């Protein structure tokens, strides 16, 4: 499986990524700002999604909104 960020860089488990766009999280009042660094991502079965923890919640992010940091 080849998981890449918005710039085409390969992603792996445990990488740190940065958001390139403000995102509203469905089902929550949580808003993620552009430039937020997310550490220790986990790859999922889908190439276009990664799983991460922000605060105490686990969310799934689309790779098209991420860049490797």
C-alpha atoms as a PDB file:
ATOM      1  CA  UNK A   1       0.000   0.000   0.000  1.00  0.00           C
ATOM      2  CA  UNK A   2       1.364   3.417  -0.977  1.00  0.00           C
ATOM      3  CA  UNK A   3       0.051   6.222   1.258  1.00  0.00           C
ATOM      4  CA  UNK A   4       1.122   9.731   0.217  1.00  0.00           C
ATOM      5  CA  UNK A   5       0.377  13.246   1.474  1.00  0.00           C
ATOM      6  CA  UNK A   6      -0.812  16.192  -0.616  1.00  0.00           C
ATOM      7  CA  UNK A   7       2.737  16.817  -1.902  1.00  0.00           C
ATOM      8  CA  UNK A   8       3.385  13.192  -2.888  1.00  0.00           C
ATOM      9  CA  UNK A   9       5.647  12.317   0.060  1.00  0.00           C
ATOM     10  CA  UNK A  10       5.286   8.781   1.421  1.00  0.00           C
ATOM     11  CA  UNK A  11       3.694   8.439   4.878  1.00  0.00           C
ATOM     12  CA  UNK A  12       4.372   5.699   7.424  1.00  0.00           C
ATOM     13  CA  UNK A  13       3.084   4.753  10.875  1.00  0.00           C
ATOM     14  CA  UNK A  14       4.338   7.144  13.541  1.00  0.00           C
ATOM     15  CA  UNK A  15       5.009  10.083  11.207  1.00  0.00           C
ATOM     16  CA  UNK A  16       4.132  13.674  12.086  1.00  0.00           C
ATOM     17  CA  UNK A  17       1.953  15.615   9.662  1.00  0.00           C
ATOM     18  CA  UNK A  18       0.688  19.169   9.378  1.00  0.00           C
ATOM     19  CA  UNK A  19      -2.768  20.319   8.239  1.00  0.00           C
ATOM     20  CA  UNK A  20      -2.862  22.459   5.103  1.00  0.00           C
ATOM     21  CA  UNK A  21      -6.482  23.608   5.503  1.00  0.00           C
ATOM     22  CA  UNK A  22      -8.904  24.498   8.326  1.00  0.00           C
ATOM     23  CA  UNK A  23     -11.135  21.474   8.963  1.00  0.00           C
ATOM     24  CA  UNK A  24     -14.457  21.064  10.761  1.00  0.00           C
ATOM     25  CA  UNK A  25     -14.860  17.663  12.408  1.00  0.00           C
ATOM     26  CA  UNK A  26     -18.234  16.030  11.723  1.00  0.00           C
ATOM     27  CA  UNK A  27     -20.227  15.143  14.821  1.00  0.00           C
ATOM     28  CA  UNK A  28     -18.132  17.373  17.044  1.00  0.00           C
ATOM     29  CA  UNK A  29     -17.654  21.038  17.836  1.00  0.00           C
ATOM     30  CA  UNK A  30     -13.928  20.565  17.179  1.00  0.00           C
ATOM     31  CA  UNK A  31     -12.325  22.814  14.538  1.00  0.00           C
ATOM     32  CA  UNK A  32      -8.781  22.033  13.422  1.00  0.00           C
ATOM     33  CA  UNK A  33      -6.739  25.029  12.294  1.00  0.00           C
ATOM     34  CA  UNK A  34      -4.329  25.118   9.371  1.00  0.00           C
ATOM     35  CA  UNK A  35      -0.763  24.436  10.504  1.00  0.00           C
ATOM     36  CA  UNK A  36      -1.748  22.129  13.357  1.00  0.00           C
ATOM     37  CA  UNK A  37       0.864  19.388  13.792  1.00  0.00           C
ATOM     38  CA  UNK A  38      -0.475  15.888  14.385  1.00  0.00           C
ATOM     39  CA  UNK A  39       2.027  13.363  15.757  1.00  0.00           C
ATOM     40  CA  UNK A  40       2.075   9.555  15.609  1.00  0.00           C
ATOM     41  CA  UNK A  41      -0.385   8.890  12.786  1.00  0.00           C
ATOM     42  CA  UNK A  42      -1.562   5.349  12.037  1.00  0.00           C
ATOM     43  CA  UNK A  43      -2.271   4.076   8.547  1.00  0.00           C
ATOM     44  CA  UNK A  44      -5.676   2.514   7.821  1.00  0.00           C
ATOM     45  CA  UNK A  45      -6.872  -0.019   5.257  1.00  0.00           C
ATOM     46  CA  UNK A  46      -7.800   2.899   2.974  1.00  0.00           C
ATOM     47  CA  UNK A  47      -4.902   4.642   1.188  1.00  0.00           C
ATOM     48  CA  UNK A  48      -6.603   8.046   1.415  1.00  0.00           C
ATOM     49  CA  UNK A  49      -7.139   8.076   5.198  1.00  0.00           C
ATOM     50  CA  UNK A  50      -4.983   8.084   8.319  1.00  0.00           C
ATOM     51  CA  UNK A  51      -6.023   7.746  11.943  1.00  0.00           C
ATOM     52  CA  UNK A  52      -4.712   9.996  14.711  1.00  0.00           C
ATOM     53  CA  UNK A  53      -5.414  11.233  18.208  1.00  0.00           C
ATOM     54  CA  UNK A  54      -6.163  14.876  18.880  1.00  0.00           C
ATOM     55  CA  UNK A  55      -6.715  15.536  22.544  1.00  0.00           C
ATOM     56  CA  UNK A  56      -8.592  12.514  23.884  1.00  0.00           C
ATOM     57  CA  UNK A  57     -10.469  11.741  20.676  1.00  0.00           C
ATOM     58  CA  UNK A  58      -9.384   9.536  17.789  1.00  0.00           C
ATOM     59  CA  UNK A  59     -10.244  10.897  14.357  1.00  0.00           C
ATOM     60  CA  UNK A  60      -9.657   9.916  10.735  1.00  0.00           C
ATOM     61  CA  UNK A  61      -8.139  12.496   8.389  1.00  0.00           C
ATOM     62  CA  UNK A  62      -7.964  12.505   4.589  1.00  0.00           C
ATOM     63  CA  UNK A  63      -4.406  12.537   3.271  1.00  0.00           C
ATOM     64  CA  UNK A  64      -5.246  15.265   0.727  1.00  0.00           C
ATOM     65  CA  UNK A  65      -5.372  17.759   3.653  1.00  0.00           C
ATOM     66  CA  UNK A  66      -1.995  16.740   5.139  1.00  0.00           C
ATOM     67  CA  UNK A  67       1.658  17.387   4.473  1.00  0.00           C
ATOM     68  CA  UNK A  68       4.570  15.573   6.077  1.00  0.00           C
ATOM     69  CA  UNK A  69       6.506  17.601   8.623  1.00  0.00           C
END
